[in-house]
Amino acid sequence: MRYALLILLFLVPGLARAQAEALENPGAVSAIQERLYRMHHELYLGVGVLPADAFYKGLVGSVSYTYHFSDTFAWQVGRGTYSYNIQTSLRRQLERDFDVAPTASAFEDQVQWMVGSDLVWSPLYGKTAVLNSSVVHFEASLLVGGTVVKIDRADGFRPAVNLGVGVRMFSGKTLSFRLDVTNNVVFAGASRIINVPVVQLGTAFNFGATE
């Protein structure tokens, strides 16, 4: 009993101090703000470039429809891209100075158009202040999907895997702007793989969304 009383005398002041500290500082409370804009049915119109090929540069126009299941997961049901190709000075020099035929294998890899579908995951959403005068809401996405690519060859339909990232800036409930950087890994046959990167900037129209 004597030892028990001594232990109790030592413990009581410590318990009292702990209770006092708990009352003074009940603990930090954190909260995550709900996103202001939500997507549902999305119609996208974009323009961009195919910048990578040494023999041509493509000016592209794209249209797509995306259904958003939730804030983070969506299905880009269908997308189509047409490329208007411009020969580079390197190709013109090869044809002029070295008599390289326009039907050379490397020249026939030019993309004419592409159609495909993608799954989209958007794990990041946030807002930032611009010059302390306005607030911009944005999200970042990853996508993966499949593509059918039409190149210049007579039998030029080729399958591809599409991988990419995107950033969306919200202008309001129904309007947002997207920057997408993707790469179609095209299986061109005979163990050949062609990388077709695409950089696009476009406008997205959102229907059926809520704030």
Protein backbone atom coordinates (compact mmCIF):
# COMPACT_ATOMS: atom_id res chain seq x y z
CA MET A 1 0.00 0.00 0.00
CA ARG A 2 2.85 2.39 0.83
CA TYR A 3 4.46 1.87 -2.57
CA ALA A 4 1.09 2.22 -4.32
CA LEU A 5 0.43 5.54 -2.57
CA LEU A 6 3.87 6.85 -3.53
CA ILE A 7 3.32 5.91 -7.21
CA LEU A 8 -0.12 7.55 -7.15
CA LEU A 9 1.35 10.76 -5.69
CA PHE A 10 3.86 10.92 -8.54
CA LEU A 11 1.25 10.19 -11.24
CA VAL A 12 -1.47 12.64 -10.17
CA PRO A 13 0.47 15.86 -11.02
CA GLY A 14 1.42 14.45 -14.45
CA LEU A 15 -2.17 13.53 -15.25
CA ALA A 16 -3.35 16.95 -14.19
CA ARG A 17 -0.81 18.68 -16.43
CA ALA A 18 -1.80 16.46 -19.41
CA GLN A 19 -5.48 17.31 -18.94
CA ALA A 20 -4.68 21.02 -18.73
CA GLU A 21 -2.61 20.86 -21.93
CA ALA A 22 -5.39 18.99 -23.74
CA LEU A 23 -7.87 21.70 -22.76
CA GLU A 24 -5.56 24.47 -23.93
CA ASN A 25 -4.64 22.75 -27.22
CA PRO A 26 -7.43 20.38 -28.31
CA GLY A 27 -5.49 19.39 -31.45
CA ALA A 28 -5.17 20.60 -35.00
CA VAL A 29 -8.18 20.15 -37.25
CA SER A 30 -7.53 19.76 -40.99
CA ALA A 31 -10.08 19.89 -43.80
CA ILE A 32 -9.88 19.30 -47.55
CA GLN A 33 -11.96 21.68 -49.59
CA GLU A 34 -14.28 20.12 -52.16
CA ARG A 35 -13.43 20.87 -55.77
CA LEU A 36 -15.37 23.78 -57.20
CA TYR A 37 -15.89 22.36 -60.70
CA ARG A 38 -16.92 18.87 -61.73
CA MET A 39 -16.89 17.34 -65.19
CA HIS A 40 -19.56 15.12 -66.76
CA HIS A 41 -19.97 15.12 -70.56
CA GLU A 42 -16.95 16.73 -72.22
CA LEU A 43 -16.58 17.82 -75.85
CA TYR A 44 -13.02 18.79 -76.76
CA LEU A 45 -11.67 20.75 -79.74
CA GLY A 46 -7.91 21.15 -80.04
CA VAL A 47 -5.05 22.13 -82.29
CA GLY A 48 -1.42 21.09 -82.06
CA VAL A 49 1.69 19.77 -83.72
CA LEU A 50 3.55 16.54 -84.49
CA PRO A 51 7.04 17.88 -83.76
CA ALA A 52 9.35 14.88 -83.76
CA ASP A 53 9.85 13.59 -87.32
CA ALA A 54 12.91 14.93 -89.15
CA PHE A 55 11.25 14.82 -92.60
CA TYR A 56 7.90 16.51 -91.87
CA LYS A 57 6.00 18.47 -89.23
CA GLY A 58 2.30 17.93 -88.76
CA LEU A 59 -0.26 20.60 -87.93
CA VAL A 60 -3.13 18.74 -86.28
CA GLY A 61 -6.73 19.33 -85.39
CA SER A 62 -8.55 17.06 -82.94
CA VAL A 63 -12.03 16.40 -81.60
CA SER A 64 -13.00 14.05 -78.78
CA TYR A 65 -15.80 13.10 -76.40
CA THR A 66 -15.10 12.10 -72.78
CA TYR A 67 -17.47 10.71 -70.17
CA HIS A 68 -16.45 11.43 -66.57
CA PHE A 69 -17.50 8.72 -64.12
CA SER A 70 -16.13 10.61 -61.10
CA ASP A 71 -13.80 13.45 -60.17
CA THR A 72 -10.75 11.26 -60.81
CA PHE A 73 -11.73 8.69 -63.44
CA ALA A 74 -12.96 9.22 -67.01
CA TRP A 75 -13.22 7.44 -70.36
CA GLN A 76 -12.26 9.35 -73.49
CA VAL A 77 -14.75 7.36 -75.53
CA GLY A 78 -13.58 8.54 -78.93
CA ARG A 79 -11.02 10.92 -80.37
CA GLY A 80 -9.99 11.77 -83.88
CA THR A 81 -6.96 13.69 -85.13
CA TYR A 82 -6.15 14.88 -88.66
CA SER A 83 -2.63 15.98 -89.60
CA TYR A 84 -1.72 18.49 -92.31
CA ASN A 85 1.92 17.69 -93.05
CA ILE A 86 4.62 20.14 -94.12
CA GLN A 87 7.92 18.91 -95.55
CA THR A 88 11.06 19.98 -93.73
CA SER A 89 14.10 21.47 -95.40
CA LEU A 90 15.96 18.20 -94.77
CA ARG A 91 13.53 16.23 -96.90
CA ARG A 92 13.61 18.80 -99.69
CA GLN A 93 17.42 18.73 -99.63
CA LEU A 94 17.52 14.93 -99.83
CA GLU A 95 15.15 14.92 -102.79
CA ARG A 96 16.94 17.76 -104.58
CA ASP A 97 20.62 17.06 -103.89
CA PHE A 98 20.71 13.28 -103.41
CA ASP A 99 17.81 12.19 -105.65
CA VAL A 100 16.04 10.33 -102.82
CA ALA A 101 12.65 9.11 -104.06
CA PRO A 102 9.54 10.57 -102.38
CA THR A 103 8.37 6.99 -101.84
CA ALA A 104 11.38 6.13 -99.67
CA SER A 105 10.47 4.09 -96.62
CA ALA A 106 11.21 6.87 -94.11
CA PHE A 107 9.02 9.32 -96.06
CA GLU A 108 6.04 6.95 -96.02
CA ASP A 109 5.81 6.99 -92.22
CA GLN A 110 3.98 10.32 -92.26
CA VAL A 111 0.79 10.31 -90.19
CA GLN A 112 -2.40 11.23 -92.04
CA TRP A 113 -4.96 10.73 -89.28
CA MET A 114 -5.54 8.87 -86.02
CA VAL A 115 -8.58 7.61 -84.11
CA GLY A 116 -8.59 6.07 -80.67
CA SER A 117 -9.93 5.79 -77.13
CA ASP A 118 -8.32 6.32 -73.70
CA LEU A 119 -8.79 5.86 -69.98
CA VAL A 120 -8.05 9.03 -67.99
CA TRP A 121 -7.00 9.26 -64.34
CA SER A 122 -6.89 12.70 -62.69
CA PRO A 123 -5.27 12.35 -59.24
CA LEU A 124 -4.34 16.02 -58.78
CA TYR A 125 -6.69 18.95 -58.34
CA GLY A 126 -5.88 22.32 -56.84
CA LYS A 127 -6.08 26.07 -57.02
CA THR A 128 -3.53 28.83 -57.05
CA ALA A 129 -3.52 32.60 -56.80
CA VAL A 130 -2.34 34.63 -59.79
CA LEU A 131 -0.71 37.93 -58.75
CA ASN A 132 -2.95 37.91 -55.66
CA SER A 133 -5.79 39.10 -57.87
CA SER A 134 -7.49 35.94 -59.14
CA VAL A 135 -7.73 32.23 -58.34
CA VAL A 136 -7.17 29.54 -60.95
CA HIS A 137 -8.51 26.00 -60.51
CA PHE A 138 -6.64 23.23 -62.31
CA GLU A 139 -6.18 19.48 -62.49
CA ALA A 140 -3.51 17.13 -63.84
CA SER A 141 -4.20 13.83 -65.58
CA LEU A 142 -2.58 10.67 -66.88
CA LEU A 143 -4.02 8.72 -69.80
CA VAL A 144 -3.48 5.41 -71.55
CA GLY A 145 -5.32 4.00 -74.52
CA GLY A 146 -5.26 2.53 -77.99
CA THR A 147 -5.04 4.16 -81.42
CA VAL A 148 -5.41 3.25 -85.07
CA VAL A 149 -2.93 5.34 -87.09
CA LYS A 150 -3.19 5.92 -90.85
CA ILE A 151 0.21 6.57 -92.43
CA ASP A 152 1.13 7.27 -96.06
CA ARG A 153 1.72 3.66 -97.05
CA ALA A 154 -0.90 1.93 -99.17
CA ASP A 155 -1.47 -0.59 -96.37
CA GLY A 156 -0.93 2.14 -93.84
CA PHE A 157 -3.30 1.26 -90.99
CA ARG A 158 -1.22 0.59 -87.89
CA PRO A 159 -2.11 -0.12 -84.22
CA ALA A 160 -0.59 2.00 -81.47
CA VAL A 161 -0.53 2.44 -77.71
CA ASN A 162 -1.18 5.98 -76.55
CA LEU A 163 0.40 7.35 -73.35
CA GLY A 164 0.26 10.91 -72.10
CA VAL A 165 -0.22 13.61 -69.51
CA GLY A 166 -2.54 16.60 -69.45
CA VAL A 167 -3.25 19.76 -67.49
CA ARG A 168 -6.66 21.41 -67.37
CA MET A 169 -7.39 25.00 -66.31
CA PHE A 170 -11.00 25.74 -65.42
CA SER A 171 -12.56 28.95 -66.66
CA GLY A 172 -16.01 28.22 -65.30
CA LYS A 173 -18.66 25.55 -64.91
CA THR A 174 -18.94 24.77 -68.63
CA LEU A 175 -15.59 25.88 -70.06
CA SER A 176 -12.00 24.77 -69.48
CA PHE A 177 -8.70 24.72 -71.36
CA ARG A 178 -6.41 21.72 -71.78
CA LEU A 179 -2.75 21.20 -72.60
CA ASP A 180 -2.03 17.58 -73.56
CA VAL A 181 1.28 15.94 -74.37
CA THR A 182 0.91 12.37 -75.65
CA ASN A 183 2.96 9.77 -77.49
CA ASN A 184 1.53 7.11 -79.79
CA VAL A 185 3.84 4.11 -79.91
CA VAL A 186 3.04 2.81 -83.39
CA PHE A 187 3.74 -0.80 -84.33
CA ALA A 188 4.75 -0.25 -87.95
CA GLY A 189 5.47 -3.87 -88.83
CA ALA A 190 8.66 -5.89 -89.35
CA SER A 191 9.65 -5.25 -85.71
CA ARG A 192 9.63 -1.49 -86.34
CA ILE A 193 8.24 0.97 -83.82
CA ILE A 194 7.48 4.62 -84.59
CA ASN A 195 6.98 7.19 -81.85
CA VAL A 196 4.44 9.87 -82.74
CA PRO A 197 4.40 12.54 -80.00
CA VAL A 198 1.57 15.08 -80.11
CA VAL A 199 1.42 18.44 -78.32
CA GLN A 200 -2.06 19.96 -78.24
CA LEU A 201 -3.85 22.95 -76.76
CA GLY A 202 -7.62 22.98 -76.81
CA THR A 203 -10.96 24.06 -75.41
CA ALA A 204 -13.28 21.70 -73.53
CA PHE A 205 -17.02 22.22 -73.19
CA ASN A 206 -18.64 20.58 -70.18
CA PHE A 207 -22.30 19.52 -70.10
CA GLY A 208 -24.30 18.31 -67.15
CA ALA A 209 -21.71 19.45 -64.58
CA THR A 210 -22.31 20.70 -61.05
CA GLU A 211 -20.48 23.21 -58.87
